[in-house]
Structure formats: structure tokens, C-alpha cells
N, C-alpha and C. Protein backbone atom coordinates (compact mmCIF):
# COMPACT_ATOMS: atom_id res chain seq x y z
N MET A 1 122.87 66.57 126.50
CA MET A 1 121.64 65.85 126.22
C MET A 1 121.24 66.03 124.77
N GLU A 2 122.12 66.49 123.95
CA GLU A 2 121.79 66.64 122.54
C GLU A 2 121.59 65.27 121.91
N LYS A 3 120.57 65.20 121.08
CA LYS A 3 120.29 63.95 120.39
C LYS A 3 120.38 64.22 118.90
N ASP A 4 120.84 63.26 118.19
CA ASP A 4 120.91 63.39 116.74
C ASP A 4 119.56 62.96 116.17
N LEU A 5 118.73 63.93 115.86
CA LEU A 5 117.37 63.64 115.41
C LEU A 5 117.35 62.91 114.07
N LYS A 6 118.33 63.16 113.25
CA LYS A 6 118.34 62.54 111.92
C LYS A 6 118.58 61.04 111.99
N SER A 7 119.28 60.59 113.02
CA SER A 7 119.57 59.16 113.10
C SER A 7 118.51 58.40 113.89
N MET A 8 117.55 59.11 114.49
CA MET A 8 116.51 58.44 115.29
C MET A 8 115.42 57.87 114.40
N SER A 9 114.81 56.77 114.86
CA SER A 9 113.70 56.18 114.12
C SER A 9 112.43 56.99 114.37
N ARG A 10 111.44 56.73 113.54
CA ARG A 10 110.16 57.43 113.69
C ARG A 10 109.57 57.16 115.06
N LYS A 11 109.64 55.92 115.51
CA LYS A 11 109.08 55.54 116.80
C LYS A 11 109.78 56.29 117.93
N ASP A 12 111.10 56.41 117.85
CA ASP A 12 111.86 57.14 118.86
C ASP A 12 111.52 58.63 118.83
N LEU A 13 111.35 59.17 117.63
CA LEU A 13 110.99 60.59 117.49
C LEU A 13 109.60 60.86 118.09
N GLU A 14 108.65 59.96 117.84
CA GLU A 14 107.31 60.13 118.39
C GLU A 14 107.34 60.06 119.92
N LYS A 15 108.15 59.18 120.47
CA LYS A 15 108.31 59.05 121.92
C LYS A 15 108.91 60.33 122.48
N LEU A 16 109.93 60.84 121.79
CA LEU A 16 110.57 62.08 122.21
C LEU A 16 109.57 63.24 122.18
N LEU A 17 108.76 63.29 121.13
CA LEU A 17 107.75 64.34 121.00
C LEU A 17 106.75 64.26 122.14
N SER A 18 106.31 63.06 122.47
CA SER A 18 105.38 62.86 123.57
C SER A 18 106.00 63.33 124.88
N ASP A 19 107.26 62.99 125.10
CA ASP A 19 107.94 63.41 126.32
C ASP A 19 108.07 64.93 126.39
N VAL A 20 108.36 65.54 125.25
CA VAL A 20 108.49 67.00 125.22
C VAL A 20 107.14 67.66 125.52
N LYS A 21 106.06 67.13 124.97
CA LYS A 21 104.73 67.70 125.23
C LYS A 21 104.39 67.60 126.72
N LYS A 22 104.70 66.44 127.34
CA LYS A 22 104.44 66.27 128.77
C LYS A 22 105.28 67.24 129.59
N ALA A 23 106.53 67.42 129.20
CA ALA A 23 107.41 68.33 129.92
C ALA A 23 106.92 69.78 129.79
N LEU A 24 106.43 70.14 128.62
CA LEU A 24 105.88 71.49 128.42
C LEU A 24 104.65 71.72 129.28
N GLN A 25 103.78 70.72 129.36
CA GLN A 25 102.58 70.85 130.19
C GLN A 25 102.96 70.99 131.66
N ALA A 26 103.93 70.21 132.11
CA ALA A 26 104.38 70.30 133.50
C ALA A 26 104.99 71.67 133.78
N ALA A 27 105.78 72.18 132.86
CA ALA A 27 106.40 73.51 133.04
C ALA A 27 105.33 74.59 133.09
N GLN A 28 104.33 74.46 132.24
CA GLN A 28 103.25 75.45 132.23
C GLN A 28 102.47 75.40 133.54
N SER A 29 102.21 74.22 134.05
CA SER A 29 101.50 74.08 135.33
C SER A 29 102.31 74.70 136.46
N ARG A 30 103.63 74.45 136.47
CA ARG A 30 104.50 75.04 137.49
C ARG A 30 104.45 76.56 137.44
N GLU A 31 104.56 77.09 136.24
CA GLU A 31 104.56 78.55 136.08
C GLU A 31 103.21 79.14 136.46
N ARG A 32 102.14 78.44 136.14
CA ARG A 32 100.79 78.91 136.50
C ARG A 32 100.65 78.96 138.03
N ARG A 33 101.13 77.90 138.71
CA ARG A 33 101.05 77.88 140.18
C ARG A 33 101.87 79.03 140.77
N ALA A 34 103.07 79.25 140.21
CA ALA A 34 103.92 80.34 140.71
C ALA A 34 103.26 81.70 140.48
N ALA A 35 102.64 81.87 139.34
CA ALA A 35 101.98 83.14 139.04
C ALA A 35 100.78 83.34 139.97
N ARG A 36 100.02 82.29 140.21
CA ARG A 36 98.86 82.40 141.11
C ARG A 36 99.33 82.74 142.52
N LYS A 37 100.42 82.10 142.97
CA LYS A 37 100.95 82.36 144.30
C LYS A 37 101.39 83.82 144.41
N ALA A 38 102.07 84.32 143.39
CA ALA A 38 102.53 85.71 143.39
C ALA A 38 101.34 86.67 143.37
N ALA A 39 100.30 86.34 142.61
CA ALA A 39 99.11 87.20 142.55
C ALA A 39 98.38 87.20 143.89
N GLN A 40 98.30 86.04 144.54
CA GLN A 40 97.66 85.98 145.85
C GLN A 40 98.42 86.82 146.87
N LYS A 41 99.74 86.75 146.80
CA LYS A 41 100.57 87.53 147.71
C LYS A 41 100.37 89.02 147.48
N ALA A 42 100.35 89.43 146.21
CA ALA A 42 100.17 90.85 145.89
C ALA A 42 98.78 91.32 146.32
N ALA A 43 97.75 90.52 146.12
CA ALA A 43 96.40 90.90 146.52
C ALA A 43 96.29 90.97 148.04
N ALA A 44 96.95 90.05 148.73
CA ALA A 44 96.90 90.03 150.19
C ALA A 44 97.54 91.28 150.78
N GLU A 45 98.55 91.84 150.10
CA GLU A 45 99.18 93.07 150.59
C GLU A 45 98.19 94.21 150.65
N TYR A 46 97.16 94.18 149.81
CA TYR A 46 96.14 95.23 149.79
C TYR A 46 94.87 94.79 150.52
N GLY A 47 94.90 93.61 151.11
CA GLY A 47 93.76 93.15 151.89
C GLY A 47 92.67 92.47 151.06
N PHE A 48 93.02 91.94 149.92
CA PHE A 48 92.05 91.27 149.08
C PHE A 48 92.47 89.83 148.85
N SER A 49 91.50 89.03 148.41
CA SER A 49 91.82 87.69 147.91
C SER A 49 91.64 87.73 146.40
N LEU A 50 92.14 86.71 145.73
CA LEU A 50 91.96 86.67 144.27
C LEU A 50 90.49 86.58 143.91
N ASN A 51 89.70 85.89 144.73
CA ASN A 51 88.26 85.79 144.45
C ASN A 51 87.60 87.16 144.53
N ASP A 52 88.03 87.98 145.52
CA ASP A 52 87.47 89.34 145.62
C ASP A 52 87.75 90.13 144.35
N LEU A 53 88.95 90.00 143.84
CA LEU A 53 89.34 90.76 142.66
C LEU A 53 88.70 90.20 141.40
N ALA A 54 88.51 88.89 141.35
CA ALA A 54 87.94 88.27 140.15
C ALA A 54 86.46 88.60 140.02
N GLU A 55 85.78 88.87 141.13
CA GLU A 55 84.34 89.17 141.07
C GLU A 55 84.07 90.53 140.46
N GLU A 56 85.02 91.44 140.60
CA GLU A 56 84.84 92.77 140.03
C GLU A 56 84.91 92.70 138.52
N THR A 57 83.90 93.24 137.89
CA THR A 57 83.91 93.28 136.44
C THR A 57 83.95 94.75 136.02
N PRO A 58 84.75 95.09 135.06
CA PRO A 58 84.80 96.49 134.63
C PRO A 58 83.47 96.89 133.99
N ALA A 59 83.16 98.16 134.13
CA ALA A 59 81.93 98.67 133.54
C ALA A 59 82.01 98.53 132.03
N PRO A 60 80.94 98.07 131.40
CA PRO A 60 80.98 97.91 129.94
C PRO A 60 81.12 99.27 129.28
N LYS A 61 81.91 99.30 128.23
CA LYS A 61 82.10 100.55 127.49
C LYS A 61 80.89 100.80 126.62
N LYS A 62 80.57 102.07 126.48
CA LYS A 62 79.46 102.43 125.61
C LYS A 62 79.86 102.22 124.16
N ALA A 63 78.97 101.63 123.44
CA ALA A 63 79.23 101.42 122.01
C ALA A 63 79.05 102.76 121.30
N LYS A 64 79.99 103.08 120.47
CA LYS A 64 79.88 104.33 119.72
C LYS A 64 78.91 104.14 118.57
N LYS A 65 78.05 105.11 118.41
CA LYS A 65 77.11 105.05 117.30
C LYS A 65 77.77 105.62 116.06
N PRO A 66 77.55 105.01 114.94
CA PRO A 66 78.13 105.56 113.71
C PRO A 66 77.50 106.91 113.39
N ARG A 67 78.31 107.79 112.85
CA ARG A 67 77.79 109.11 112.50
C ARG A 67 76.85 108.99 111.32
N LYS A 68 75.77 109.69 111.42
CA LYS A 68 74.79 109.68 110.35
C LYS A 68 74.87 111.00 109.59
N ALA A 69 74.47 110.94 108.38
CA ALA A 69 74.36 112.18 107.61
C ALA A 69 73.19 112.97 108.17
N ALA A 70 73.10 114.21 107.82
CA ALA A 70 72.01 115.04 108.31
C ALA A 70 70.68 114.36 108.02
N THR A 71 69.91 114.17 109.07
CA THR A 71 68.65 113.44 108.89
C THR A 71 67.45 114.37 108.85
N GLY A 72 67.67 115.64 109.13
CA GLY A 72 66.56 116.58 109.14
C GLY A 72 66.07 116.85 107.73
N PRO A 73 65.01 117.64 107.65
CA PRO A 73 64.49 117.96 106.31
C PRO A 73 65.50 118.77 105.51
N LYS A 74 65.55 118.50 104.24
CA LYS A 74 66.48 119.21 103.36
C LYS A 74 65.96 120.63 103.13
N SER A 75 66.92 121.54 103.02
CA SER A 75 66.55 122.93 102.78
C SER A 75 66.09 123.09 101.34
N LYS A 76 65.14 123.99 101.17
CA LYS A 76 64.63 124.26 99.82
C LYS A 76 65.57 125.23 99.13
N PRO A 77 65.72 125.10 97.82
CA PRO A 77 66.57 126.03 97.09
C PRO A 77 66.01 127.45 97.18
N GLN A 78 66.91 128.41 97.37
CA GLN A 78 66.52 129.81 97.47
C GLN A 78 66.94 130.61 96.24
N PHE A 79 67.99 130.12 95.56
CA PHE A 79 68.51 130.84 94.41
C PHE A 79 68.66 129.88 93.23
N ALA A 80 68.50 130.42 92.02
CA ALA A 80 68.68 129.61 90.81
C ALA A 80 69.55 130.40 89.83
N ASN A 81 70.33 129.67 89.07
CA ASN A 81 71.18 130.27 88.05
C ASN A 81 70.28 130.74 86.91
N PRO A 82 70.32 132.03 86.56
CA PRO A 82 69.46 132.51 85.47
C PRO A 82 69.82 131.90 84.12
N GLU A 83 71.07 131.48 83.96
CA GLU A 83 71.49 130.88 82.69
C GLU A 83 71.14 129.40 82.63
N ASN A 84 71.01 128.75 83.77
CA ASN A 84 70.68 127.32 83.82
C ASN A 84 69.85 127.09 85.08
N PRO A 85 68.52 127.17 85.01
CA PRO A 85 67.66 127.09 86.19
C PRO A 85 67.76 125.76 86.95
N SER A 86 68.37 124.74 86.34
CA SER A 86 68.50 123.48 87.07
C SER A 86 69.58 123.58 88.15
N GLN A 87 70.47 124.60 88.08
CA GLN A 87 71.48 124.82 89.10
C GLN A 87 70.88 125.71 90.17
N THR A 88 70.77 125.16 91.38
CA THR A 88 70.16 125.91 92.47
C THR A 88 71.09 125.92 93.67
N TRP A 89 70.76 126.81 94.62
CA TRP A 89 71.53 126.92 95.85
C TRP A 89 70.58 127.27 96.97
N THR A 90 70.78 126.69 98.14
CA THR A 90 69.89 126.92 99.27
C THR A 90 70.20 128.22 99.99
N GLY A 91 71.34 128.81 99.71
CA GLY A 91 71.72 130.02 100.42
C GLY A 91 72.56 129.70 101.64
N LYS A 92 72.78 128.42 101.89
CA LYS A 92 73.59 127.98 103.03
C LYS A 92 74.89 127.38 102.52
N GLY A 93 75.91 127.52 103.31
CA GLY A 93 77.17 126.92 102.92
C GLY A 93 77.92 127.76 101.90
N ARG A 94 78.85 127.14 101.26
CA ARG A 94 79.71 127.83 100.30
C ARG A 94 78.92 128.23 99.05
N GLN A 95 79.20 129.43 98.57
CA GLN A 95 78.51 129.92 97.38
C GLN A 95 78.98 129.14 96.16
N PRO A 96 78.05 128.71 95.31
CA PRO A 96 78.47 128.02 94.09
C PRO A 96 79.16 129.00 93.14
N ASN A 97 79.97 128.44 92.26
CA ASN A 97 80.72 129.28 91.31
C ASN A 97 79.79 130.12 90.44
N TRP A 98 78.67 129.57 89.98
CA TRP A 98 77.78 130.32 89.12
C TRP A 98 77.19 131.52 89.86
N PHE A 99 76.90 131.37 91.15
CA PHE A 99 76.34 132.48 91.94
C PHE A 99 77.39 133.57 92.11
N ARG A 100 78.61 133.16 92.47
CA ARG A 100 79.69 134.11 92.66
C ARG A 100 79.98 134.86 91.36
N ALA A 101 79.97 134.13 90.22
CA ALA A 101 80.24 134.77 88.93
C ALA A 101 79.17 135.80 88.59
N GLN A 102 77.92 135.48 88.87
CA GLN A 102 76.83 136.43 88.58
C GLN A 102 76.97 137.70 89.43
N VAL A 103 77.33 137.53 90.70
CA VAL A 103 77.49 138.69 91.58
C VAL A 103 78.67 139.53 91.12
N GLU A 104 79.76 138.89 90.69
CA GLU A 104 80.92 139.63 90.19
C GLU A 104 80.59 140.40 88.92
N LYS A 105 79.67 139.85 88.11
CA LYS A 105 79.26 140.54 86.89
C LYS A 105 78.40 141.76 87.20
N GLY A 106 77.91 141.83 88.46
CA GLY A 106 77.09 142.97 88.84
C GLY A 106 75.64 142.62 89.06
N SER A 107 75.24 141.38 88.94
CA SER A 107 73.85 140.98 89.17
C SER A 107 73.53 141.08 90.64
N ASP A 108 72.35 141.53 90.94
CA ASP A 108 71.87 141.59 92.32
C ASP A 108 71.45 140.18 92.74
N PRO A 109 71.89 139.67 93.90
CA PRO A 109 71.49 138.33 94.34
C PRO A 109 69.98 138.15 94.44
N GLU A 110 69.27 139.22 94.69
CA GLU A 110 67.81 139.11 94.82
C GLU A 110 67.15 138.77 93.48
N THR A 111 67.81 139.08 92.35
CA THR A 111 67.23 138.75 91.06
C THR A 111 67.30 137.24 90.80
N MET A 112 68.19 136.56 91.53
CA MET A 112 68.32 135.11 91.35
C MET A 112 67.49 134.33 92.37
N ARG A 113 66.86 135.05 93.28
CA ARG A 113 66.04 134.38 94.31
C ARG A 113 64.81 133.77 93.69
N LEU A 114 64.46 132.57 94.16
CA LEU A 114 63.27 131.87 93.64
C LEU A 114 62.02 132.40 94.28
């Protein structure tokens, strides 16, 4: 059933295209009926109809909330660099380099407390 498409006229090609589209729709309908029949058979084995199964809707998933940055009040600075008072530290988290350097030099941390 091979056809030489290059030698066919435009009108013949359009007719062929129309026939192919109709054949595809018919094949899809056949396959859909076969799939529905198979699904009905499988559901019947468990004592259900397709309508029974179609009515069940899965529970909606909870939407995840985006993580927010810490929203609580900010901690007040507890320590300040004696060499540069604009550098401060709350005393929480990792020690800043200037604080560590002062302690290594022998400074008492309490002298840097605000």
C-alpha cells in the first residue's frame, strides 16, 4: 500500500491526509473502548464499578509554606570591638574574628561588654 507521495497532486495529498486523520480517530476510539472495557473488568474483580472509583478524589496535598527568616525580635548587641565600636556581636552564634583576636591577646570578654 505504499504510495509515492512526491508524484501525488495536492488534492490527492489532502484527501490522503483527511483519510489518515479519520483512521487515527477511529483507532483512538477503538483503543479507548478496549481500555475502558479492561478497566471495568479489573474494577469488577474487586467489586467496584468505574463510577465508584471515579467518585473517589484523593485528599488534597498540603501546600508547603516557604521558609521565612527569623521573624522574632533581633537580639541586642552585647559586645563591641574596642578598636572599632561599630563592630558589635550579640554573643550568639559564631564569634567574630575581632572578638576572638582580642581574647587571644589576653583581653577579658567582660571589658568588651556593652
